[in-house]
C-alpha atoms as a PDB file:
ATOM      1  CA  UNK A   1      14.925 -57.188 -11.984  1.00  0.00           C
ATOM      2  CA  UNK A   2      17.259 -56.165  -9.585  1.00  0.00           C
ATOM      3  CA  UNK A   3      20.046 -53.747 -10.520  1.00  0.00           C
ATOM      4  CA  UNK A   4      22.744 -55.391  -8.144  1.00  0.00           C
ATOM      5  CA  UNK A   5      25.427 -56.143 -10.100  1.00  0.00           C
ATOM      6  CA  UNK A   6      27.948 -59.486  -9.458  1.00  0.00           C
ATOM      7  CA  UNK A   7      30.150 -57.465  -7.707  1.00  0.00           C
ATOM      8  CA  UNK A   8      27.803 -56.705  -4.775  1.00  0.00           C
ATOM      9  CA  UNK A   9      26.284 -60.596  -4.709  1.00  0.00           C
ATOM     10  CA  UNK A  10      25.419 -61.247  -0.974  1.00  0.00           C
ATOM     11  CA  UNK A  11      26.972 -57.951   0.255  1.00  0.00           C
ATOM     12  CA  UNK A  12      26.258 -57.509   3.813  1.00  0.00           C
ATOM     13  CA  UNK A  13      25.313 -53.322   4.112  1.00  0.00           C
ATOM     14  CA  UNK A  14      24.878 -51.742   7.426  1.00  0.00           C
ATOM     15  CA  UNK A  15      22.830 -48.786   6.998  1.00  0.00           C
ATOM     16  CA  UNK A  16      23.278 -46.273  10.054  1.00  0.00           C
ATOM     17  CA  UNK A  17      20.791 -43.581  10.687  1.00  0.00           C
ATOM     18  CA  UNK A  18      18.775 -41.922  13.146  1.00  0.00           C
ATOM     19  CA  UNK A  19      15.815 -41.438  10.685  1.00  0.00           C
ATOM     20  CA  UNK A  20      13.710 -44.307  11.503  1.00  0.00           C
ATOM     21  CA  UNK A  21      11.872 -44.000   8.118  1.00  0.00           C
ATOM     22  CA  UNK A  22      14.883 -43.625   5.768  1.00  0.00           C
ATOM     23  CA  UNK A  23      16.505 -46.269   7.673  1.00  0.00           C
ATOM     24  CA  UNK A  24      13.337 -48.802   6.930  1.00  0.00           C
ATOM     25  CA  UNK A  25      12.999 -47.244   3.728  1.00  0.00           C
ATOM     26  CA  UNK A  26      16.736 -48.220   2.959  1.00  0.00           C
ATOM     27  CA  UNK A  27      16.543 -51.394   4.684  1.00  0.00           C
ATOM     28  CA  UNK A  28      13.285 -52.166   2.305  1.00  0.00           C
ATOM     29  CA  UNK A  29      14.977 -51.120  -1.110  1.00  0.00           C
ATOM     30  CA  UNK A  30      18.421 -52.578  -0.583  1.00  0.00           C
ATOM     31  CA  UNK A  31      16.948 -56.237   0.660  1.00  0.00           C
ATOM     32  CA  UNK A  32      15.317 -55.627  -2.408  1.00  0.00           C
ATOM     33  CA  UNK A  33      17.904 -55.548  -4.742  1.00  0.00           C
ATOM     34  CA  UNK A  34      19.813 -58.218  -3.208  1.00  0.00           C
ATOM     35  CA  UNK A  35      21.527 -57.222  -0.004  1.00  0.00           C
ATOM     36  CA  UNK A  36      21.910 -58.367   3.425  1.00  0.00           C
ATOM     37  CA  UNK A  37      20.903 -54.892   5.542  1.00  0.00           C
ATOM     38  CA  UNK A  38      21.329 -54.440   9.176  1.00  0.00           C
ATOM     39  CA  UNK A  39      20.417 -51.056  10.559  1.00  0.00           C
ATOM     40  CA  UNK A  40      21.396 -48.966  13.328  1.00  0.00           C
ATOM     41  CA  UNK A  41      19.799 -45.878  15.094  1.00  0.00           C
ATOM     42  CA  UNK A  42      23.262 -44.325  16.107  1.00  0.00           C
ATOM     43  CA  UNK A  43      27.036 -44.921  16.516  1.00  0.00           C
ATOM     44  CA  UNK A  44      26.266 -46.798  19.318  1.00  0.00           C
ATOM     45  CA  UNK A  45      24.414 -48.827  18.134  1.00  0.00           C
ATOM     46  CA  UNK A  46      26.711 -49.030  15.043  1.00  0.00           C
ATOM     47  CA  UNK A  47      29.590 -50.083  17.169  1.00  0.00           C
ATOM     48  CA  UNK A  48      27.443 -53.104  18.564  1.00  0.00           C
ATOM     49  CA  UNK A  49      26.360 -54.149  15.249  1.00  0.00           C
ATOM     50  CA  UNK A  50      29.811 -54.234  14.173  1.00  0.00           C
ATOM     51  CA  UNK A  51      31.414 -56.099  17.316  1.00  0.00           C
ATOM     52  CA  UNK A  52      28.931 -59.322  16.182  1.00  0.00           C
ATOM     53  CA  UNK A  53      29.231 -58.915  12.532  1.00  0.00           C
ATOM     54  CA  UNK A  54      30.873 -58.056   9.828  1.00  0.00           C
ATOM     55  CA  UNK A  55      30.128 -56.170   7.033  1.00  0.00           C
ATOM     56  CA  UNK A  56      31.190 -55.291   3.138  1.00  0.00           C
ATOM     57  CA  UNK A  57      30.062 -51.106   3.595  1.00  0.00           C
ATOM     58  CA  UNK A  58      28.248 -48.915   5.729  1.00  0.00           C
ATOM     59  CA  UNK A  59      25.982 -46.343   4.632  1.00  0.00           C
ATOM     60  CA  UNK A  60      26.282 -43.659   7.446  1.00  0.00           C
ATOM     61  CA  UNK A  61      24.313 -40.481   7.970  1.00  0.00           C
ATOM     62  CA  UNK A  62      26.096 -37.447   8.496  1.00  0.00           C
ATOM     63  CA  UNK A  63      24.058 -35.466  11.225  1.00  0.00           C
ATOM     64  CA  UNK A  64      22.538 -38.030  14.302  1.00  0.00           C
ATOM     65  CA  UNK A  65      22.333 -37.035  17.749  1.00  0.00           C
ATOM     66  CA  UNK A  66      25.010 -37.959  20.344  1.00  0.00           C
ATOM     67  CA  UNK A  67      28.518 -38.775  17.962  1.00  0.00           C
ATOM     68  CA  UNK A  68      28.238 -38.038  14.458  1.00  0.00           C
ATOM     69  CA  UNK A  69      28.611 -39.778  11.395  1.00  0.00           C
ATOM     70  CA  UNK A  70      32.120 -37.979  10.876  1.00  0.00           C
ATOM     71  CA  UNK A  71      33.083 -38.558  14.635  1.00  0.00           C
ATOM     72  CA  UNK A  72      32.115 -42.260  14.140  1.00  0.00           C
ATOM     73  CA  UNK A  73      33.732 -42.310  11.059  1.00  0.00           C
ATOM     74  CA  UNK A  74      37.101 -40.732  12.397  1.00  0.00           C
ATOM     75  CA  UNK A  75      37.057 -43.455  15.121  1.00  0.00           C
ATOM     76  CA  UNK A  76      36.327 -45.999  12.952  1.00  0.00           C
ATOM     77  CA  UNK A  77      39.043 -45.228  10.701  1.00  0.00           C
ATOM     78  CA  UNK A  78      41.802 -46.073  13.401  1.00  0.00           C
ATOM     79  CA  UNK A  79      41.032 -49.804  13.590  1.00  0.00           C
ATOM     80  CA  UNK A  80      38.531 -50.852  10.516  1.00  0.00           C
ATOM     81  CA  UNK A  81      38.952 -50.126   6.704  1.00  0.00           C
ATOM     82  CA  UNK A  82      34.994 -51.080   5.980  1.00  0.00           C
ATOM     83  CA  UNK A  83      34.167 -48.654   2.788  1.00  0.00           C
ATOM     84  CA  UNK A  84      31.958 -45.736   3.997  1.00  0.00           C
ATOM     85  CA  UNK A  85      29.092 -44.121   2.102  1.00  0.00           C
ATOM     86  CA  UNK A  86      28.337 -41.254   3.570  1.00  0.00           C
ATOM     87  CA  UNK A  87      24.762 -39.552   3.373  1.00  0.00           C
ATOM     88  CA  UNK A  88      24.417 -35.565   4.291  1.00  0.00           C
ATOM     89  CA  UNK A  89      21.876 -32.721   3.850  1.00  0.00           C
ATOM     90  CA  UNK A  90      25.005 -30.493   3.991  1.00  0.00           C
ATOM     91  CA  UNK A  91      25.697 -28.547   0.560  1.00  0.00           C
ATOM     92  CA  UNK A  92      28.948 -27.022   1.757  1.00  0.00           C
ATOM     93  CA  UNK A  93      31.839 -28.363  -0.197  1.00  0.00           C
ATOM     94  CA  UNK A  94      34.105 -28.079   2.983  1.00  0.00           C
ATOM     95  CA  UNK A  95      31.943 -30.240   4.848  1.00  0.00           C
ATOM     96  CA  UNK A  96      32.628 -32.999   2.164  1.00  0.00           C
ATOM     97  CA  UNK A  97      35.940 -32.396   2.121  1.00  0.00           C
ATOM     98  CA  UNK A  98      36.001 -33.048   5.877  1.00  0.00           C
ATOM     99  CA  UNK A  99      34.196 -35.990   5.340  1.00  0.00           C
ATOM    100  CA  UNK A 100      36.687 -37.417   2.723  1.00  0.00           C
ATOM    101  CA  UNK A 101      39.967 -36.655   5.182  1.00  0.00           C
ATOM    102  CA  UNK A 102      38.079 -38.792   7.241  1.00  0.00           C
ATOM    103  CA  UNK A 103      38.443 -41.444   5.313  1.00  0.00           C
ATOM    104  CA  UNK A 104      35.004 -42.231   4.001  1.00  0.00           C
ATOM    105  CA  UNK A 105      34.442 -43.872   0.695  1.00  0.00           C
ATOM    106  CA  UNK A 106      31.893 -41.691  -1.449  1.00  0.00           C
ATOM    107  CA  UNK A 107      29.093 -38.994  -0.325  1.00  0.00           C
ATOM    108  CA  UNK A 108      25.603 -38.859  -1.396  1.00  0.00           C
ATOM    109  CA  UNK A 109      23.275 -35.863  -0.941  1.00  0.00           C
ATOM    110  CA  UNK A 110      19.842 -35.571   0.421  1.00  0.00           C
ATOM    111  CA  UNK A 111      17.540 -36.176  -1.446  1.00  0.00           C
ATOM    112  CA  UNK A 112      18.761 -38.543  -3.526  1.00  0.00           C
ATOM    113  CA  UNK A 113      17.653 -41.134  -5.578  1.00  0.00           C
ATOM    114  CA  UNK A 114      17.317 -44.734  -4.642  1.00  0.00           C
ATOM    115  CA  UNK A 115      18.917 -45.790  -8.249  1.00  0.00           C
ATOM    116  CA  UNK A 116      21.817 -43.457  -7.692  1.00  0.00           C
ATOM    117  CA  UNK A 117      22.640 -44.537  -4.159  1.00  0.00           C
ATOM    118  CA  UNK A 118      22.654 -48.593  -5.595  1.00  0.00           C
ATOM    119  CA  UNK A 119      25.323 -47.417  -8.023  1.00  0.00           C
ATOM    120  CA  UNK A 120      27.722 -45.524  -6.020  1.00  0.00           C
ATOM    121  CA  UNK A 121      27.495 -48.810  -3.764  1.00  0.00           C
ATOM    122  CA  UNK A 122      28.217 -50.935  -6.725  1.00  0.00           C
ATOM    123  CA  UNK A 123      31.580 -48.662  -7.682  1.00  0.00           C
ATOM    124  CA  UNK A 124      32.441 -48.712  -3.870  1.00  0.00           C
ATOM    125  CA  UNK A 125      32.243 -52.151  -3.720  1.00  0.00           C
ATOM    126  CA  UNK A 126      33.938 -52.867  -6.971  1.00  0.00           C
ATOM    127  CA  UNK A 127      36.836 -50.636  -6.107  1.00  0.00           C
ATOM    128  CA  UNK A 128      37.284 -52.720  -2.577  1.00  0.00           C
ATOM    129  CA  UNK A 129      36.698 -56.396  -4.062  1.00  0.00           C
ATOM    130  CA  UNK A 130      40.256 -57.783  -3.914  1.00  0.00           C
ATOM    131  CA  UNK A 131      40.252 -56.820  -0.216  1.00  0.00           C
ATOM    132  CA  UNK A 132      36.623 -58.190   0.294  1.00  0.00           C
ATOM    133  CA  UNK A 133      37.397 -61.295  -1.333  1.00  0.00           C
ATOM    134  CA  UNK A 134      40.425 -61.820   1.552  1.00  0.00           C
ATOM    135  CA  UNK A 135      37.976 -61.628   4.696  1.00  0.00           C
ATOM    136  CA  UNK A 136      34.864 -63.471   2.724  1.00  0.00           C
ATOM    137  CA  UNK A 137      35.196 -66.090   5.181  1.00  0.00           C
ATOM    138  CA  UNK A 138      34.556 -64.160   8.700  1.00  0.00           C
ATOM    139  CA  UNK A 139      31.738 -62.308   7.131  1.00  0.00           C
ATOM    140  CA  UNK A 140      29.097 -65.225   7.336  1.00  0.00           C
ATOM    141  CA  UNK A 141      30.288 -65.494  11.038  1.00  0.00           C
ATOM    142  CA  UNK A 142      28.112 -64.084  13.751  1.00  0.00           C
ATOM    143  CA  UNK A 143      28.903 -63.658  17.304  1.00  0.00           C
ATOM    144  CA  UNK A 144      26.959 -63.385  20.565  1.00  0.00           C
ATOM    145  CA  UNK A 145      28.335 -63.774  23.883  1.00  0.00           C
ATOM    146  CA  UNK A 146      30.499 -67.175  24.035  1.00  0.00           C
ATOM    147  CA  UNK A 147      28.664 -68.036  20.763  1.00  0.00           C
ATOM    148  CA  UNK A 148      29.827 -68.338  17.014  1.00  0.00           C
ATOM    149  CA  UNK A 149      27.135 -68.980  14.203  1.00  0.00           C
ATOM    150  CA  UNK A 150      28.057 -69.835  10.897  1.00  0.00           C
ATOM    151  CA  UNK A 151      25.125 -68.383   8.580  1.00  0.00           C
ATOM    152  CA  UNK A 152      26.309 -70.275   5.699  1.00  0.00           C
ATOM    153  CA  UNK A 153      27.049 -73.589   7.565  1.00  0.00           C
ATOM    154  CA  UNK A 154      24.474 -73.294   9.901  1.00  0.00           C
ATOM    155  CA  UNK A 155      27.029 -74.392  12.766  1.00  0.00           C
ATOM    156  CA  UNK A 156      26.754 -72.889  16.161  1.00  0.00           C
ATOM    157  CA  UNK A 157      30.285 -73.482  18.618  1.00  0.00           C
ATOM    158  CA  UNK A 158      31.199 -72.296  21.397  1.00  0.00           C
ATOM    159  CA  UNK A 159      34.213 -70.544  22.601  1.00  0.00           C
ATOM    160  CA  UNK A 160      36.560 -73.223  22.951  1.00  0.00           C
ATOM    161  CA  UNK A 161      35.596 -74.670  19.225  1.00  0.00           C
ATOM    162  CA  UNK A 162      32.765 -76.797  20.218  1.00  0.00           C
ATOM    163  CA  UNK A 163      29.750 -77.498  17.922  1.00  0.00           C
ATOM    164  CA  UNK A 164      26.596 -77.485  18.940  1.00  0.00           C
ATOM    165  CA  UNK A 165      23.703 -79.958  17.981  1.00  0.00           C
ATOM    166  CA  UNK A 166      21.081 -78.132  16.194  1.00  0.00           C
ATOM    167  CA  UNK A 167      17.996 -79.476  14.752  1.00  0.00           C
ATOM    168  CA  UNK A 168      17.226 -78.162  11.098  1.00  0.00           C
ATOM    169  CA  UNK A 169      14.451 -75.491  12.368  1.00  0.00           C
ATOM    170  CA  UNK A 170      16.481 -74.160  15.015  1.00  0.00           C
ATOM    171  CA  UNK A 171      19.704 -73.367  12.255  1.00  0.00           C
ATOM    172  CA  UNK A 172      16.705 -71.658  10.381  1.00  0.00           C
ATOM    173  CA  UNK A 173      15.678 -69.845  13.387  1.00  0.00           C
ATOM    174  CA  UNK A 174      18.953 -68.670  14.675  1.00  0.00           C
ATOM    175  CA  UNK A 175      20.139 -67.741  10.504  1.00  0.00           C
ATOM    176  CA  UNK A 176      17.005 -65.478  10.582  1.00  0.00           C
ATOM    177  CA  UNK A 177      18.058 -64.382  13.880  1.00  0.00           C
ATOM    178  CA  UNK A 178      22.048 -64.018  13.688  1.00  0.00           C
ATOM    179  CA  UNK A 179      21.791 -62.681  10.133  1.00  0.00           C
ATOM    180  CA  UNK A 180      19.913 -59.349  11.273  1.00  0.00           C
ATOM    181  CA  UNK A 181      21.645 -59.246  15.288  1.00  0.00           C
ATOM    182  CA  UNK A 182      19.876 -57.244  16.996  1.00  0.00           C
ATOM    183  CA  UNK A 183      16.730 -56.358  15.172  1.00  0.00           C
ATOM    184  CA  UNK A 184      13.069 -57.562  16.082  1.00  0.00           C
ATOM    185  CA  UNK A 185      11.803 -59.790  14.227  1.00  0.00           C
ATOM    186  CA  UNK A 186       8.080 -60.932  14.427  1.00  0.00           C
ATOM    187  CA  UNK A 187       7.045 -64.446  14.931  1.00  0.00           C
ATOM    188  CA  UNK A 188       5.831 -64.033  11.627  1.00  0.00           C
ATOM    189  CA  UNK A 189       8.451 -63.460   9.667  1.00  0.00           C
ATOM    190  CA  UNK A 190      10.363 -66.117  12.107  1.00  0.00           C
ATOM    191  CA  UNK A 191       7.774 -68.736  10.955  1.00  0.00           C
ATOM    192  CA  UNK A 192       8.189 -67.978   7.035  1.00  0.00           C
ATOM    193  CA  UNK A 193      12.119 -68.424   8.148  1.00  0.00           C
ATOM    194  CA  UNK A 194      11.647 -71.853   9.469  1.00  0.00           C
ATOM    195  CA  UNK A 195       9.439 -73.145   6.602  1.00  0.00           C
ATOM    196  CA  UNK A 196       5.796 -73.155   5.628  1.00  0.00           C
ATOM    197  CA  UNK A 197       4.706 -75.745   8.041  1.00  0.00           C
ATOM    198  CA  UNK A 198       5.761 -73.948  10.952  1.00  0.00           C
ATOM    199  CA  UNK A 199       3.264 -71.697  12.366  1.00  0.00           C
ATOM    200  CA  UNK A 200       3.798 -68.641  14.386  1.00  0.00           C
ATOM    201  CA  UNK A 201       2.869 -70.422  17.801  1.00  0.00           C
ATOM    202  CA  UNK A 202       5.280 -73.035  17.037  1.00  0.00           C
ATOM    203  CA  UNK A 203       7.685 -70.406  17.043  1.00  0.00           C
ATOM    204  CA  UNK A 204       7.741 -70.056  20.519  1.00  0.00           C
ATOM    205  CA  UNK A 205       8.307 -73.404  21.168  1.00  0.00           C
ATOM    206  CA  UNK A 206      11.577 -73.540  18.613  1.00  0.00           C
ATOM    207  CA  UNK A 207      12.415 -70.283  20.869  1.00  0.00           C
ATOM    208  CA  UNK A 208      12.260 -72.184  23.983  1.00  0.00           C
ATOM    209  CA  UNK A 209      14.058 -75.118  22.686  1.00  0.00           C
ATOM    210  CA  UNK A 210      16.913 -72.861  21.242  1.00  0.00           C
ATOM    211  CA  UNK A 211      17.239 -71.050  24.399  1.00  0.00           C
ATOM    212  CA  UNK A 212      18.163 -74.035  26.747  1.00  0.00           C
ATOM    213  CA  UNK A 213      21.245 -74.763  24.231  1.00  0.00           C
ATOM    214  CA  UNK A 214      22.158 -70.862  24.367  1.00  0.00           C
ATOM    215  CA  UNK A 215      21.450 -69.176  27.385  1.00  0.00           C
ATOM    216  CA  UNK A 216      22.834 -69.399  30.893  1.00  0.00           C
ATOM    217  CA  UNK A 217      19.472 -69.738  32.195  1.00  0.00           C
ATOM    218  CA  UNK A 218      17.054 -69.936  29.708  1.00  0.00           C
ATOM    219  CA  UNK A 219      14.342 -68.834  32.453  1.00  0.00           C
ATOM    220  CA  UNK A 220      16.019 -65.255  31.620  1.00  0.00           C
ATOM    221  CA  UNK A 221      17.434 -65.140  28.624  1.00  0.00           C
ATOM    222  CA  UNK A 222      20.482 -63.017  28.180  1.00  0.00           C
ATOM    223  CA  UNK A 223      20.789 -63.528  24.003  1.00  0.00           C
ATOM    224  CA  UNK A 224      17.893 -64.898  22.339  1.00  0.00           C
ATOM    225  CA  UNK A 225      15.104 -61.974  24.157  1.00  0.00           C
ATOM    226  CA  UNK A 226      11.349 -61.696  23.869  1.00  0.00           C
ATOM    227  CA  UNK A 227      10.016 -57.974  23.023  1.00  0.00           C
ATOM    228  CA  UNK A 228       6.888 -58.063  24.086  1.00  0.00           C
ATOM    229  CA  UNK A 229       4.053 -57.743  21.486  1.00  0.00           C
ATOM    230  CA  UNK A 230       6.448 -57.675  18.445  1.00  0.00           C
ATOM    231  CA  UNK A 231       8.428 -60.889  18.783  1.00  0.00           C
ATOM    232  CA  UNK A 232      12.144 -61.880  19.090  1.00  0.00           C
ATOM    233  CA  UNK A 233      15.648 -60.335  18.932  1.00  0.00           C
ATOM    234  CA  UNK A 234      19.198 -61.767  19.104  1.00  0.00           C
ATOM    235  CA  UNK A 235      21.806 -59.728  20.758  1.00  0.00           C
ATOM    236  CA  UNK A 236      25.201 -59.609  21.939  1.00  0.00           C
ATOM    237  CA  UNK A 237      24.580 -58.950  25.569  1.00  0.00           C
END
């Protein structure tokens, strides 16, 4: 049974951590407990995700190459009030105080118990529930290039608000890719998202058809990219 409570239902979490193993463990663990999860390996990558999607909460590591979590949180707070749960291996109280002064909502020291992470996330979401309700509509939208995709309604519109006709298979494919914008999804994963009757080879056909609708030049895709030997990913080029 999931320990996710009603206040966190369908919450979308952005995990920012340069540790690949921990990042993927958190993605898997939080997904199993009912969250939508997107990941980023750096502050720059997190900004790309934030420019295309709306999140209910960010799980942010302090120590990262390039811009640190503290620096990123400081910059983010100038324009965005999304709740932040900071992960840190630093035990000095002054380091935690520095983080709280940047505007993060809570701290969790490494190593931590997964259940404690869930409970802290739930607590933050409960505290921010009124604000989250007021922006619930935009949180279901993914933006890439001139396109906007409503993950709930399955509607694709251009920058002028014109709706683009999609088949059911194209909607399912785009929903899977847009829900994890920037992440590489295997053909196997995509085939399961589109439907049990769609095999991995058929995914290539669906991708080709979708590219004809969203790419300026389908022969040189800008948004729906092939990752050789791995699958496909949707990016905000």
